[in-house]
């Protein structure tokens, strides 16, 4: 019986099927490589421009790797504006946004996925509907509220709303974070939840010791989205921050561009430093991020 099996494995049809699989796999690999290069090209060009002289940026045909990298551009770029102050302000706002988003959204997602209470699905649909609200709709009411509270000109309008589940920008909202976490929690084994209740664990203990460890991937996904959105936010800081010493990096780079619009190499150098925290955060949490995206279904 072994001889026919070997002959079938080595038959022309089997070889064609194997070649077809390898061919499809090769097409997929080439497509992914080309797509990755397309997406990485702006980043590579930014890094390349930060190491060139200002006039060399506009040379045609363009040179991606300069023959004599000018690493001093970074020191010059960071000295034109109070970069350290702006970096500190952005870090404070981003950390507060991440912590506030977790504090508000993780318990809310637990309530919408694990707990059973009257009107749960209706309330969740109302929360989910706020994703469709564009930022200009809530911009004016938020401005009036913060003005009456006396928060204009401080970092509080950027730091406090996430703790209240009101973190909303043109790219990310607390309702989206609740949705991502809820969809993941719906797929958790109910046996673990029931076993914890039998052992006498309350909701807070179940959330902290059972649900949160199992939801690590989705939580990291929300953290990355919240951090990225807060770190790169421009419209909200432009509206609520009026003092120069409280500017975030996004406002600082815009100020730099308006003051030194001809020094594009210095602007690119400052932009590289601005992007580094986001790249480092993604690289460190890449495994959990991919896991959270792939395992977040649409159950429920």
C-alpha atoms as a PDB file:
ATOM      1  CA  UNK A   1       0.000   0.000   0.000  1.00  0.00           C
ATOM      2  CA  UNK A   2       2.978   2.334   0.500  1.00  0.00           C
ATOM      3  CA  UNK A   3       4.037   2.251  -3.158  1.00  0.00           C
ATOM      4  CA  UNK A   4       0.727   3.649  -4.540  1.00  0.00           C
ATOM      5  CA  UNK A   5       0.797   6.394  -1.913  1.00  0.00           C
ATOM      6  CA  UNK A   6       4.264   7.436  -2.970  1.00  0.00           C
ATOM      7  CA  UNK A   7       3.319   7.323  -6.616  1.00  0.00           C
ATOM      8  CA  UNK A   8       0.247   9.499  -5.977  1.00  0.00           C
ATOM      9  CA  UNK A   9       2.314  11.999  -4.005  1.00  0.00           C
ATOM     10  CA  UNK A  10       4.736  12.232  -6.867  1.00  0.00           C
ATOM     11  CA  UNK A  11       2.086  12.351  -9.588  1.00  0.00           C
ATOM     12  CA  UNK A  12       1.934  15.336 -11.976  1.00  0.00           C
ATOM     13  CA  UNK A  13      -1.403  16.449 -10.454  1.00  0.00           C
ATOM     14  CA  UNK A  14       0.008  16.547  -6.930  1.00  0.00           C
ATOM     15  CA  UNK A  15       3.058  18.453  -8.116  1.00  0.00           C
ATOM     16  CA  UNK A  16       0.860  20.988  -9.906  1.00  0.00           C
ATOM     17  CA  UNK A  17      -1.267  21.496  -6.789  1.00  0.00           C
ATOM     18  CA  UNK A  18       1.836  21.964  -4.666  1.00  0.00           C
ATOM     19  CA  UNK A  19       3.290  24.406  -7.191  1.00  0.00           C
ATOM     20  CA  UNK A  20      -0.013  26.270  -7.194  1.00  0.00           C
ATOM     21  CA  UNK A  21       0.047  26.611  -3.410  1.00  0.00           C
ATOM     22  CA  UNK A  22       3.608  27.884  -3.478  1.00  0.00           C
ATOM     23  CA  UNK A  23       2.685  30.281  -6.268  1.00  0.00           C
ATOM     24  CA  UNK A  24      -0.248  31.732  -4.335  1.00  0.00           C
ATOM     25  CA  UNK A  25       1.892  32.009  -1.235  1.00  0.00           C
ATOM     26  CA  UNK A  26       4.563  33.833  -3.226  1.00  0.00           C
ATOM     27  CA  UNK A  27       2.005  36.286  -4.630  1.00  0.00           C
ATOM     28  CA  UNK A  28       0.750  37.014  -1.108  1.00  0.00           C
ATOM     29  CA  UNK A  29       4.300  37.550   0.179  1.00  0.00           C
ATOM     30  CA  UNK A  30       5.208  39.886  -2.668  1.00  0.00           C
ATOM     31  CA  UNK A  31       1.989  41.852  -2.176  1.00  0.00           C
ATOM     32  CA  UNK A  32       2.676  42.245   1.545  1.00  0.00           C
ATOM     33  CA  UNK A  33       6.254  43.357   0.905  1.00  0.00           C
ATOM     34  CA  UNK A  34       5.214  45.943  -1.691  1.00  0.00           C
ATOM     35  CA  UNK A  35       2.441  47.254   0.576  1.00  0.00           C
ATOM     36  CA  UNK A  36       4.846  47.493   3.516  1.00  0.00           C
ATOM     37  CA  UNK A  37       7.346  49.455   1.434  1.00  0.00           C
ATOM     38  CA  UNK A  38       4.608  51.870   0.337  1.00  0.00           C
ATOM     39  CA  UNK A  39       3.549  52.501   3.927  1.00  0.00           C
ATOM     40  CA  UNK A  40       7.147  52.783   5.194  1.00  0.00           C
ATOM     41  CA  UNK A  41       8.305  55.143   2.446  1.00  0.00           C
ATOM     42  CA  UNK A  42       7.008  58.364   4.107  1.00  0.00           C
ATOM     43  CA  UNK A  43       8.689  57.353   7.378  1.00  0.00           C
ATOM     44  CA  UNK A  44      11.957  56.581   5.600  1.00  0.00           C
ATOM     45  CA  UNK A  45      11.770  59.880   3.729  1.00  0.00           C
ATOM     46  CA  UNK A  46      11.192  61.776   6.983  1.00  0.00           C
ATOM     47  CA  UNK A  47      14.243  60.156   8.588  1.00  0.00           C
ATOM     48  CA  UNK A  48      16.300  60.739   5.456  1.00  0.00           C
ATOM     49  CA  UNK A  49      15.298  64.408   5.259  1.00  0.00           C
ATOM     50  CA  UNK A  50      16.221  64.903   8.913  1.00  0.00           C
ATOM     51  CA  UNK A  51      19.822  63.941   8.058  1.00  0.00           C
ATOM     52  CA  UNK A  52      20.194  66.236   5.045  1.00  0.00           C
ATOM     53  CA  UNK A  53      20.903  69.863   4.460  1.00  0.00           C
ATOM     54  CA  UNK A  54      17.824  71.950   3.764  1.00  0.00           C
ATOM     55  CA  UNK A  55      18.713  72.413   0.086  1.00  0.00           C
ATOM     56  CA  UNK A  56      19.472  68.699  -0.381  1.00  0.00           C
ATOM     57  CA  UNK A  57      15.864  67.781   0.379  1.00  0.00           C
ATOM     58  CA  UNK A  58      14.705  69.283  -2.912  1.00  0.00           C
ATOM     59  CA  UNK A  59      17.411  67.753  -5.107  1.00  0.00           C
ATOM     60  CA  UNK A  60      16.083  65.822  -8.113  1.00  0.00           C
ATOM     61  CA  UNK A  61      16.354  62.929  -8.501  1.00  0.00           C
ATOM     62  CA  UNK A  62      15.896  62.509  -4.754  1.00  0.00           C
ATOM     63  CA  UNK A  63      18.479  60.698  -2.640  1.00  0.00           C
ATOM     64  CA  UNK A  64      17.086  58.475   0.089  1.00  0.00           C
ATOM     65  CA  UNK A  65      20.359  57.871   1.950  1.00  0.00           C
ATOM     66  CA  UNK A  66      22.584  60.976   2.191  1.00  0.00           C
ATOM     67  CA  UNK A  67      26.287  60.419   1.655  1.00  0.00           C
ATOM     68  CA  UNK A  68      27.173  62.593   4.682  1.00  0.00           C
ATOM     69  CA  UNK A  69      24.400  62.383   7.321  1.00  0.00           C
ATOM     70  CA  UNK A  70      24.073  65.597   9.315  1.00  0.00           C
ATOM     71  CA  UNK A  71      23.196  64.265  12.751  1.00  0.00           C
ATOM     72  CA  UNK A  72      23.602  67.746  14.204  1.00  0.00           C
ATOM     73  CA  UNK A  73      20.203  68.617  12.748  1.00  0.00           C
ATOM     74  CA  UNK A  74      18.566  67.003  15.756  1.00  0.00           C
ATOM     75  CA  UNK A  75      20.355  69.170  18.296  1.00  0.00           C
ATOM     76  CA  UNK A  76      19.613  72.275  16.238  1.00  0.00           C
ATOM     77  CA  UNK A  77      15.966  71.334  15.786  1.00  0.00           C
ATOM     78  CA  UNK A  78      15.347  70.680  19.478  1.00  0.00           C
ATOM     79  CA  UNK A  79      16.940  73.983  20.455  1.00  0.00           C
ATOM     80  CA  UNK A  80      14.633  76.198  18.386  1.00  0.00           C
ATOM     81  CA  UNK A  81      11.605  75.523  20.607  1.00  0.00           C
ATOM     82  CA  UNK A  82      11.241  74.405  24.265  1.00  0.00           C
ATOM     83  CA  UNK A  83      11.017  70.812  23.069  1.00  0.00           C
ATOM     84  CA  UNK A  84      11.467  69.299  26.522  1.00  0.00           C
ATOM     85  CA  UNK A  85       8.537  71.279  27.932  1.00  0.00           C
ATOM     86  CA  UNK A  86       6.275  70.320  25.048  1.00  0.00           C
ATOM     87  CA  UNK A  87       7.355  66.676  25.324  1.00  0.00           C
ATOM     88  CA  UNK A  88       6.564  66.663  29.046  1.00  0.00           C
ATOM     89  CA  UNK A  89       3.113  68.175  28.455  1.00  0.00           C
ATOM     90  CA  UNK A  90       2.307  65.604  25.775  1.00  0.00           C
ATOM     91  CA  UNK A  91       3.480  62.778  28.038  1.00  0.00           C
ATOM     92  CA  UNK A  92       1.333  64.005  30.949  1.00  0.00           C
ATOM     93  CA  UNK A  93      -1.762  64.329  28.775  1.00  0.00           C
ATOM     94  CA  UNK A  94      -1.229  60.980  27.042  1.00  0.00           C
ATOM     95  CA  UNK A  95      -0.643  59.044  30.274  1.00  0.00           C
ATOM     96  CA  UNK A  96      -3.705  60.645  31.875  1.00  0.00           C
ATOM     97  CA  UNK A  97      -5.751  59.795  28.772  1.00  0.00           C
ATOM     98  CA  UNK A  98      -4.676  56.158  28.824  1.00  0.00           C
ATOM     99  CA  UNK A  99      -5.326  55.750  32.554  1.00  0.00           C
ATOM    100  CA  UNK A 100      -8.661  57.552  32.349  1.00  0.00           C
ATOM    101  CA  UNK A 101      -9.783  55.478  29.367  1.00  0.00           C
ATOM    102  CA  UNK A 102      -9.014  52.246  31.201  1.00  0.00           C
ATOM    103  CA  UNK A 103     -10.629  53.392  34.439  1.00  0.00           C
ATOM    104  CA  UNK A 104     -13.848  54.371  32.641  1.00  0.00           C
ATOM    105  CA  UNK A 105     -14.085  51.850  29.806  1.00  0.00           C
ATOM    106  CA  UNK A 106     -12.970  48.533  31.323  1.00  0.00           C
ATOM    107  CA  UNK A 107     -15.710  48.469  34.036  1.00  0.00           C
ATOM    108  CA  UNK A 108     -18.256  49.715  31.468  1.00  0.00           C
ATOM    109  CA  UNK A 109     -17.326  46.926  29.044  1.00  0.00           C
ATOM    110  CA  UNK A 110     -17.603  44.411  31.914  1.00  0.00           C
ATOM    111  CA  UNK A 111     -21.080  45.688  32.737  1.00  0.00           C
ATOM    112  CA  UNK A 112     -22.187  45.435  29.101  1.00  0.00           C
ATOM    113  CA  UNK A 113     -20.747  41.953  28.536  1.00  0.00           C
ATOM    114  CA  UNK A 114     -20.724  39.947  31.789  1.00  0.00           C
ATOM    115  CA  UNK A 115     -23.464  41.466  33.926  1.00  0.00           C
ATOM    116  CA  UNK A 116     -27.129  41.005  33.090  1.00  0.00           C
ATOM    117  CA  UNK A 117     -29.475  43.884  33.871  1.00  0.00           C
ATOM    118  CA  UNK A 118     -32.669  45.316  32.348  1.00  0.00           C
ATOM    119  CA  UNK A 119     -32.080  47.563  29.341  1.00  0.00           C
ATOM    120  CA  UNK A 120     -28.444  46.556  28.964  1.00  0.00           C
ATOM    121  CA  UNK A 121     -28.543  46.115  25.193  1.00  0.00           C
ATOM    122  CA  UNK A 122     -30.511  49.326  24.672  1.00  0.00           C
ATOM    123  CA  UNK A 123     -28.059  51.371  26.729  1.00  0.00           C
ATOM    124  CA  UNK A 124     -25.153  49.781  24.856  1.00  0.00           C
ATOM    125  CA  UNK A 125     -26.694  50.755  21.529  1.00  0.00           C
ATOM    126  CA  UNK A 126     -27.043  54.332  22.755  1.00  0.00           C
ATOM    127  CA  UNK A 127     -23.391  54.351  23.838  1.00  0.00           C
ATOM    128  CA  UNK A 128     -22.365  52.872  20.508  1.00  0.00           C
ATOM    129  CA  UNK A 129     -24.345  55.525  18.640  1.00  0.00           C
ATOM    130  CA  UNK A 130     -22.054  58.219  20.022  1.00  0.00           C
ATOM    131  CA  UNK A 131     -19.292  56.900  17.748  1.00  0.00           C
ATOM    132  CA  UNK A 132     -21.129  58.589  14.876  1.00  0.00           C
ATOM    133  CA  UNK A 133     -20.917  61.992  16.578  1.00  0.00           C
ATOM    134  CA  UNK A 134     -18.328  64.132  14.763  1.00  0.00           C
ATOM    135  CA  UNK A 135     -15.963  66.141  16.915  1.00  0.00           C
ATOM    136  CA  UNK A 136     -17.325  69.562  15.792  1.00  0.00           C
ATOM    137  CA  UNK A 137     -20.731  68.619  17.251  1.00  0.00           C
ATOM    138  CA  UNK A 138     -19.345  68.279  20.777  1.00  0.00           C
ATOM    139  CA  UNK A 139     -16.589  70.859  20.414  1.00  0.00           C
ATOM    140  CA  UNK A 140     -18.717  73.916  21.246  1.00  0.00           C
ATOM    141  CA  UNK A 141     -20.540  72.368  24.251  1.00  0.00           C
ATOM    142  CA  UNK A 142     -17.231  71.118  25.634  1.00  0.00           C
ATOM    143  CA  UNK A 143     -15.694  74.561  25.221  1.00  0.00           C
ATOM    144  CA  UNK A 144     -18.588  76.217  27.090  1.00  0.00           C
ATOM    145  CA  UNK A 145     -18.406  73.666  29.917  1.00  0.00           C
ATOM    146  CA  UNK A 146     -14.660  74.074  30.352  1.00  0.00           C
ATOM    147  CA  UNK A 147     -14.954  77.858  30.204  1.00  0.00           C
ATOM    148  CA  UNK A 148     -17.568  77.858  32.977  1.00  0.00           C
ATOM    149  CA  UNK A 149     -15.334  75.569  35.035  1.00  0.00           C
ATOM    150  CA  UNK A 150     -12.368  77.888  34.516  1.00  0.00           C
ATOM    151  CA  UNK A 151     -10.295  75.154  32.887  1.00  0.00           C
ATOM    152  CA  UNK A 152      -9.389  76.991  29.699  1.00  0.00           C
ATOM    153  CA  UNK A 153      -5.683  77.616  29.462  1.00  0.00           C
ATOM    154  CA  UNK A 154      -4.852  74.464  31.466  1.00  0.00           C
ATOM    155  CA  UNK A 155      -4.296  70.801  30.653  1.00  0.00           C
ATOM    156  CA  UNK A 156      -7.447  69.729  32.529  1.00  0.00           C
ATOM    157  CA  UNK A 157      -9.744  69.755  29.452  1.00  0.00           C
ATOM    158  CA  UNK A 158      -7.436  67.156  27.896  1.00  0.00           C
ATOM    159  CA  UNK A 159      -6.878  65.049  31.028  1.00  0.00           C
ATOM    160  CA  UNK A 160     -10.200  64.872  32.912  1.00  0.00           C
ATOM    161  CA  UNK A 161     -12.762  63.822  30.221  1.00  0.00           C
ATOM    162  CA  UNK A 162     -11.268  60.318  29.707  1.00  0.00           C
ATOM    163  CA  UNK A 163     -11.933  59.509  33.386  1.00  0.00           C
ATOM    164  CA  UNK A 164     -15.600  60.341  32.765  1.00  0.00           C
ATOM    165  CA  UNK A 165     -15.875  58.275  29.597  1.00  0.00           C
ATOM    166  CA  UNK A 166     -16.028  61.442  27.502  1.00  0.00           C
ATOM    167  CA  UNK A 167     -12.782  61.046  25.575  1.00  0.00           C
ATOM    168  CA  UNK A 168     -13.792  61.928  22.042  1.00  0.00           C
ATOM    169  CA  UNK A 169     -11.634  63.113  19.154  1.00  0.00           C
ATOM    170  CA  UNK A 170     -11.924  62.944  15.356  1.00  0.00           C
ATOM    171  CA  UNK A 171     -10.212  59.518  15.448  1.00  0.00           C
ATOM    172  CA  UNK A 172     -11.087  57.725  18.689  1.00  0.00           C
ATOM    173  CA  UNK A 173     -13.806  57.772  21.329  1.00  0.00           C
ATOM    174  CA  UNK A 174     -14.463  56.102  24.650  1.00  0.00           C
ATOM    175  CA  UNK A 175     -17.500  54.389  23.120  1.00  0.00           C
ATOM    176  CA  UNK A 176     -15.221  52.689  20.604  1.00  0.00           C
ATOM    177  CA  UNK A 177     -12.969  51.495  23.427  1.00  0.00           C
ATOM    178  CA  UNK A 178     -15.999  50.103  25.259  1.00  0.00           C
ATOM    179  CA  UNK A 179     -17.107  48.332  22.087  1.00  0.00           C
ATOM    180  CA  UNK A 180     -13.708  46.698  21.507  1.00  0.00           C
ATOM    181  CA  UNK A 181     -13.433  45.534  25.115  1.00  0.00           C
ATOM    182  CA  UNK A 182     -17.022  44.294  25.270  1.00  0.00           C
ATOM    183  CA  UNK A 183     -16.695  42.244  22.093  1.00  0.00           C
ATOM    184  CA  UNK A 184     -13.641  40.513  23.507  1.00  0.00           C
ATOM    185  CA  UNK A 185     -15.200  39.902  26.907  1.00  0.00           C
ATOM    186  CA  UNK A 186     -18.249  38.302  25.320  1.00  0.00           C
ATOM    187  CA  UNK A 187     -15.993  35.518  24.074  1.00  0.00           C
ATOM    188  CA  UNK A 188     -14.553  34.695  27.489  1.00  0.00           C
ATOM    189  CA  UNK A 189     -15.494  31.279  28.922  1.00  0.00           C
ATOM    190  CA  UNK A 190     -18.571  31.646  31.082  1.00  0.00           C
ATOM    191  CA  UNK A 191     -17.427  28.676  33.180  1.00  0.00           C
ATOM    192  CA  UNK A 192     -14.604  30.768  34.631  1.00  0.00           C
ATOM    193  CA  UNK A 193     -17.002  33.559  35.559  1.00  0.00           C
ATOM    194  CA  UNK A 194     -19.479  31.136  37.122  1.00  0.00           C
ATOM    195  CA  UNK A 195     -16.684  29.356  39.002  1.00  0.00           C
ATOM    196  CA  UNK A 196     -15.543  32.663  40.452  1.00  0.00           C
ATOM    197  CA  UNK A 197     -19.060  33.493  41.589  1.00  0.00           C
ATOM    198  CA  UNK A 198     -19.403  30.087  43.234  1.00  0.00           C
ATOM    199  CA  UNK A 199     -16.154  30.773  45.122  1.00  0.00           C
ATOM    200  CA  UNK A 200     -17.728  33.963  46.465  1.00  0.00           C
ATOM    201  CA  UNK A 201     -15.955  36.527  44.282  1.00  0.00           C
ATOM    202  CA  UNK A 202     -17.790  39.797  43.720  1.00  0.00           C
ATOM    203  CA  UNK A 203     -17.907  41.756  40.496  1.00  0.00           C
ATOM    204  CA  UNK A 204     -14.821  43.838  41.240  1.00  0.00           C
ATOM    205  CA  UNK A 205     -12.797  40.769  42.167  1.00  0.00           C
ATOM    206  CA  UNK A 206     -13.978  38.941  39.042  1.00  0.00           C
ATOM    207  CA  UNK A 207     -13.096  41.948  36.926  1.00  0.00           C
ATOM    208  CA  UNK A 208      -9.608  42.377  38.364  1.00  0.00           C
ATOM    209  CA  UNK A 209      -8.510  38.756  38.820  1.00  0.00           C
ATOM    210  CA  UNK A 210     -10.354  36.960  36.003  1.00  0.00           C
ATOM    211  CA  UNK A 211     -11.562  39.246  33.222  1.00  0.00           C
ATOM    212  CA  UNK A 212      -8.676  41.725  33.036  1.00  0.00           C
ATOM    213  CA  UNK A 213      -5.886  39.075  32.780  1.00  0.00           C
ATOM    214  CA  UNK A 214      -7.826  37.225  30.077  1.00  0.00           C
ATOM    215  CA  UNK A 215      -8.521  40.479  28.196  1.00  0.00           C
ATOM    216  CA  UNK A 216      -4.898  41.611  28.083  1.00  0.00           C
ATOM    217  CA  UNK A 217      -4.782  41.701  24.286  1.00  0.00           C
ATOM    218  CA  UNK A 218      -7.857  43.894  23.878  1.00  0.00           C
ATOM    219  CA  UNK A 219      -6.765  46.169  26.722  1.00  0.00           C
ATOM    220  CA  UNK A 220      -3.371  46.719  25.089  1.00  0.00           C
ATOM    221  CA  UNK A 221      -5.174  47.522  21.830  1.00  0.00           C
ATOM    222  CA  UNK A 222      -7.255  50.181  23.562  1.00  0.00           C
ATOM    223  CA  UNK A 223      -4.153  51.561  25.300  1.00  0.00           C
ATOM    224  CA  UNK A 224      -2.325  51.931  21.993  1.00  0.00           C
ATOM    225  CA  UNK A 225      -5.284  53.596  20.295  1.00  0.00           C
ATOM    226  CA  UNK A 226      -5.799  56.004  23.208  1.00  0.00           C
ATOM    227  CA  UNK A 227      -2.104  56.845  23.457  1.00  0.00           C
ATOM    228  CA  UNK A 228      -1.695  57.356  19.717  1.00  0.00           C
ATOM    229  CA  UNK A 229      -4.769  59.572  19.477  1.00  0.00           C
ATOM    230  CA  UNK A 230      -3.823  61.673  22.493  1.00  0.00           C
ATOM    231  CA  UNK A 231      -0.158  61.984  21.516  1.00  0.00           C
ATOM    232  CA  UNK A 232      -0.969  63.201  17.996  1.00  0.00           C
ATOM    233  CA  UNK A 233      -4.062  65.271  18.880  1.00  0.00           C
ATOM    234  CA  UNK A 234      -3.990  68.773  17.450  1.00  0.00           C
ATOM    235  CA  UNK A 235      -7.502  70.269  17.309  1.00  0.00           C
ATOM    236  CA  UNK A 236      -8.399  69.842  20.990  1.00  0.00           C
ATOM    237  CA  UNK A 237      -5.095  71.283  22.324  1.00  0.00           C
ATOM    238  CA  UNK A 238      -5.377  74.145  19.842  1.00  0.00           C
ATOM    239  CA  UNK A 239      -8.824  75.038  21.214  1.00  0.00           C
ATOM    240  CA  UNK A 240      -8.343  74.559  24.947  1.00  0.00           C
ATOM    241  CA  UNK A 241      -4.679  75.479  25.526  1.00  0.00           C
ATOM    242  CA  UNK A 242      -3.907  79.176  25.395  1.00  0.00           C
ATOM    243  CA  UNK A 243      -0.568  79.344  27.224  1.00  0.00           C
ATOM    244  CA  UNK A 244       2.660  78.656  25.352  1.00  0.00           C
ATOM    245  CA  UNK A 245       4.291  76.836  28.249  1.00  0.00           C
ATOM    246  CA  UNK A 246       1.453  74.274  28.193  1.00  0.00           C
ATOM    247  CA  UNK A 247       1.677  73.480  24.486  1.00  0.00           C
ATOM    248  CA  UNK A 248       1.830  69.852  23.476  1.00  0.00           C
ATOM    249  CA  UNK A 249       4.281  68.615  20.861  1.00  0.00           C
ATOM    250  CA  UNK A 250       1.730  68.776  18.072  1.00  0.00           C
ATOM    251  CA  UNK A 251       1.187  72.483  18.748  1.00  0.00           C
ATOM    252  CA  UNK A 252       4.929  72.987  19.197  1.00  0.00           C
ATOM    253  CA  UNK A 253       5.702  71.506  15.780  1.00  0.00           C
ATOM    254  CA  UNK A 254       3.070  73.715  14.181  1.00  0.00           C
ATOM    255  CA  UNK A 255       4.617  76.725  15.902  1.00  0.00           C
ATOM    256  CA  UNK A 256       8.041  75.610  14.743  1.00  0.00           C
ATOM    257  CA  UNK A 257       6.824  75.323  11.179  1.00  0.00           C
ATOM    258  CA  UNK A 258       5.343  78.796  11.250  1.00  0.00           C
ATOM    259  CA  UNK A 259       8.502  80.293  12.746  1.00  0.00           C
ATOM    260  CA  UNK A 260      11.082  78.315  10.767  1.00  0.00           C
ATOM    261  CA  UNK A 261       9.134  77.264   7.697  1.00  0.00           C
ATOM    262  CA  UNK A 262      12.260  77.197   5.502  1.00  0.00           C
ATOM    263  CA  UNK A 263      14.241  74.762   7.698  1.00  0.00           C
ATOM    264  CA  UNK A 264      12.488  71.595   6.628  1.00  0.00           C
ATOM    265  CA  UNK A 265      15.388  69.412   7.703  1.00  0.00           C
ATOM    266  CA  UNK A 266      15.062  70.659  11.283  1.00  0.00           C
ATOM    267  CA  UNK A 267      11.295  70.167  11.131  1.00  0.00           C
ATOM    268  CA  UNK A 268      11.787  66.586   9.960  1.00  0.00           C
ATOM    269  CA  UNK A 269      14.272  65.962  12.765  1.00  0.00           C
ATOM    270  CA  UNK A 270      11.792  67.206  15.356  1.00  0.00           C
ATOM    271  CA  UNK A 271       9.067  65.103  13.737  1.00  0.00           C
ATOM    272  CA  UNK A 272      11.223  61.964  14.024  1.00  0.00           C
ATOM    273  CA  UNK A 273      11.602  62.527  17.768  1.00  0.00           C
ATOM    274  CA  UNK A 274       7.859  63.190  17.956  1.00  0.00           C
ATOM    275  CA  UNK A 275       7.101  59.814  16.326  1.00  0.00           C
ATOM    276  CA  UNK A 276       9.563  57.760  18.386  1.00  0.00           C
ATOM    277  CA  UNK A 277       7.324  57.160  21.452  1.00  0.00           C
ATOM    278  CA  UNK A 278       4.509  55.859  19.253  1.00  0.00           C
ATOM    279  CA  UNK A 279       6.845  53.521  17.361  1.00  0.00           C
ATOM    280  CA  UNK A 280       8.428  52.242  20.563  1.00  0.00           C
ATOM    281  CA  UNK A 281       5.016  51.644  22.166  1.00  0.00           C
ATOM    282  CA  UNK A 282       3.811  49.704  19.129  1.00  0.00           C
ATOM    283  CA  UNK A 283       6.948  47.571  18.897  1.00  0.00           C
ATOM    284  CA  UNK A 284       6.810  46.673  22.594  1.00  0.00           C
ATOM    285  CA  UNK A 285       3.098  45.804  22.511  1.00  0.00           C
ATOM    286  CA  UNK A 286       2.882  44.432  18.978  1.00  0.00           C
ATOM    287  CA  UNK A 287       2.153  40.850  19.999  1.00  0.00           C
ATOM    288  CA  UNK A 288      -0.699  41.800  22.320  1.00  0.00           C
ATOM    289  CA  UNK A 289      -2.007  44.362  19.819  1.00  0.00           C
ATOM    290  CA  UNK A 290      -2.258  41.825  16.992  1.00  0.00           C
ATOM    291  CA  UNK A 291      -3.812  39.293  19.361  1.00  0.00           C
ATOM    292  CA  UNK A 292      -6.392  41.807  20.554  1.00  0.00           C
ATOM    293  CA  UNK A 293      -7.357  42.778  16.999  1.00  0.00           C
ATOM    294  CA  UNK A 294      -7.575  39.183  15.743  1.00  0.00           C
ATOM    295  CA  UNK A 295      -9.562  37.841  18.704  1.00  0.00           C
ATOM    296  CA  UNK A 296     -12.029  40.720  18.968  1.00  0.00           C
ATOM    297  CA  UNK A 297     -15.108  39.302  17.266  1.00  0.00           C
ATOM    298  CA  UNK A 298     -18.632  40.476  16.729  1.00  0.00           C
ATOM    299  CA  UNK A 299     -20.386  38.132  19.127  1.00  0.00           C
ATOM    300  CA  UNK A 300     -23.505  39.518  20.752  1.00  0.00           C
END
